[in-house]
């Protein structure tokens, strides 16, 4: 006996939902250098990554003391956009600040 139309639709919806997965996440890393000012890094963390001043200062000090720090965790596309914005703002202000993506393991 054939299935009715509504049964086929339910099977399709169930199958599609099962195939969906969370996208992989990426850490956006800021890297220390000897030229970019601490104030500029805090401003980047506040404006690009939406951090409050205390959190931005904590991350900036971690970057300064450890060589790098996590600015945020995002999907790849959002992370790539944030990296590009940071690089554009740094170049515009004549700083060599580096930012990169690292897949969350």
Protein backbone atom coordinates (compact mmCIF):
# COMPACT_ATOMS: atom_id res chain seq x y z
CA UNK A 1 0.00 0.00 0.00
CA UNK A 2 1.31 3.45 -0.89
CA UNK A 3 2.04 6.10 1.74
CA UNK A 4 -0.13 9.16 1.74
CA UNK A 5 1.33 12.54 0.80
CA UNK A 6 1.69 13.85 4.39
CA UNK A 7 3.78 10.83 5.40
CA UNK A 8 6.31 11.58 2.64
CA UNK A 9 6.58 15.19 3.75
CA UNK A 10 7.24 14.19 7.37
CA UNK A 11 9.97 11.74 6.30
CA UNK A 12 11.66 14.44 4.23
CA UNK A 13 11.57 17.01 7.01
CA UNK A 14 12.92 14.54 9.55
CA UNK A 15 15.74 13.46 7.30
CA UNK A 16 16.79 17.03 6.54
CA UNK A 17 16.84 17.98 10.22
CA UNK A 18 19.05 14.97 11.00
CA UNK A 19 21.56 15.99 8.31
CA UNK A 20 22.03 19.48 9.77
CA UNK A 21 25.14 20.05 11.85
CA UNK A 22 26.47 23.02 13.77
CA UNK A 23 29.06 24.88 11.70
CA UNK A 24 32.68 24.59 12.84
CA UNK A 25 33.80 27.44 15.06
CA UNK A 26 37.00 29.46 14.80
CA UNK A 27 38.97 31.51 17.32
CA UNK A 28 39.94 34.99 16.18
CA UNK A 29 43.43 35.58 17.57
CA UNK A 30 45.20 38.89 18.07
CA UNK A 31 49.01 38.75 17.96
CA UNK A 32 51.40 40.92 19.94
CA UNK A 33 53.84 43.28 18.26
CA UNK A 34 56.17 46.01 19.49
CA UNK A 35 54.42 48.91 17.72
CA UNK A 36 50.64 48.71 18.09
CA UNK A 37 49.57 50.67 21.16
CA UNK A 38 47.65 49.05 23.98
CA UNK A 39 44.95 51.72 23.63
CA UNK A 40 44.45 50.84 19.97
CA UNK A 41 44.09 47.12 20.78
CA UNK A 42 41.51 47.92 23.47
CA UNK A 43 39.61 50.11 20.98
CA UNK A 44 39.65 47.26 18.40
CA UNK A 45 38.32 44.81 20.98
CA UNK A 46 35.54 47.21 21.96
CA UNK A 47 34.46 48.28 18.47
CA UNK A 48 35.03 45.17 16.35
CA UNK A 49 34.40 42.47 18.95
CA UNK A 50 31.86 44.23 21.21
CA UNK A 51 33.87 43.79 24.41
CA UNK A 52 33.41 46.09 27.38
CA UNK A 53 36.44 48.07 28.56
CA UNK A 54 37.34 45.66 31.38
CA UNK A 55 37.18 42.59 29.16
CA UNK A 56 39.02 44.35 26.33
CA UNK A 57 41.78 45.39 28.73
CA UNK A 58 42.08 41.83 30.07
CA UNK A 59 42.37 40.39 26.55
CA UNK A 60 44.86 43.10 25.52
CA UNK A 61 47.08 42.30 28.55
CA UNK A 62 46.89 38.60 27.69
CA UNK A 63 48.00 39.40 24.12
CA UNK A 64 50.82 41.57 25.49
CA UNK A 65 52.04 39.00 28.04
CA UNK A 66 51.39 35.72 26.19
CA UNK A 67 52.06 36.81 22.61
CA UNK A 68 48.49 36.26 21.47
CA UNK A 69 44.95 36.19 22.79
CA UNK A 70 41.45 35.15 21.78
CA UNK A 71 39.31 38.10 20.72
CA UNK A 72 36.26 35.92 20.09
CA UNK A 73 34.91 32.65 18.68
CA UNK A 74 32.80 32.73 15.52
CA UNK A 75 31.84 30.81 12.42
CA UNK A 76 34.50 30.91 9.72
CA UNK A 77 32.79 33.57 7.61
CA UNK A 78 32.19 35.94 10.52
CA UNK A 79 35.72 35.34 11.80
CA UNK A 80 37.22 36.09 8.39
CA UNK A 81 35.24 39.32 8.22
CA UNK A 82 36.44 40.40 11.67
CA UNK A 83 40.06 39.61 10.75
CA UNK A 84 39.72 41.75 7.60
CA UNK A 85 38.16 44.64 9.56
CA UNK A 86 40.96 44.53 12.15
CA UNK A 87 43.65 44.53 9.44
CA UNK A 88 41.96 47.39 7.58
CA UNK A 89 41.65 49.51 10.74
CA UNK A 90 45.23 48.74 11.78
CA UNK A 91 46.64 49.72 8.37
CA UNK A 92 44.53 52.89 8.30
CA UNK A 93 46.06 53.86 11.65
CA UNK A 94 49.55 52.74 10.57
CA UNK A 95 49.84 49.82 13.00
CA UNK A 96 51.17 46.34 12.09
CA UNK A 97 48.57 44.53 14.26
CA UNK A 98 48.06 40.93 13.10
CA UNK A 99 44.92 38.91 13.53
CA UNK A 100 44.30 35.30 12.49
CA UNK A 101 41.79 32.43 12.62
CA UNK A 102 42.31 29.08 14.29
CA UNK A 103 39.78 26.26 14.17
CA UNK A 104 38.40 25.33 17.58
CA UNK A 105 39.34 21.72 18.28
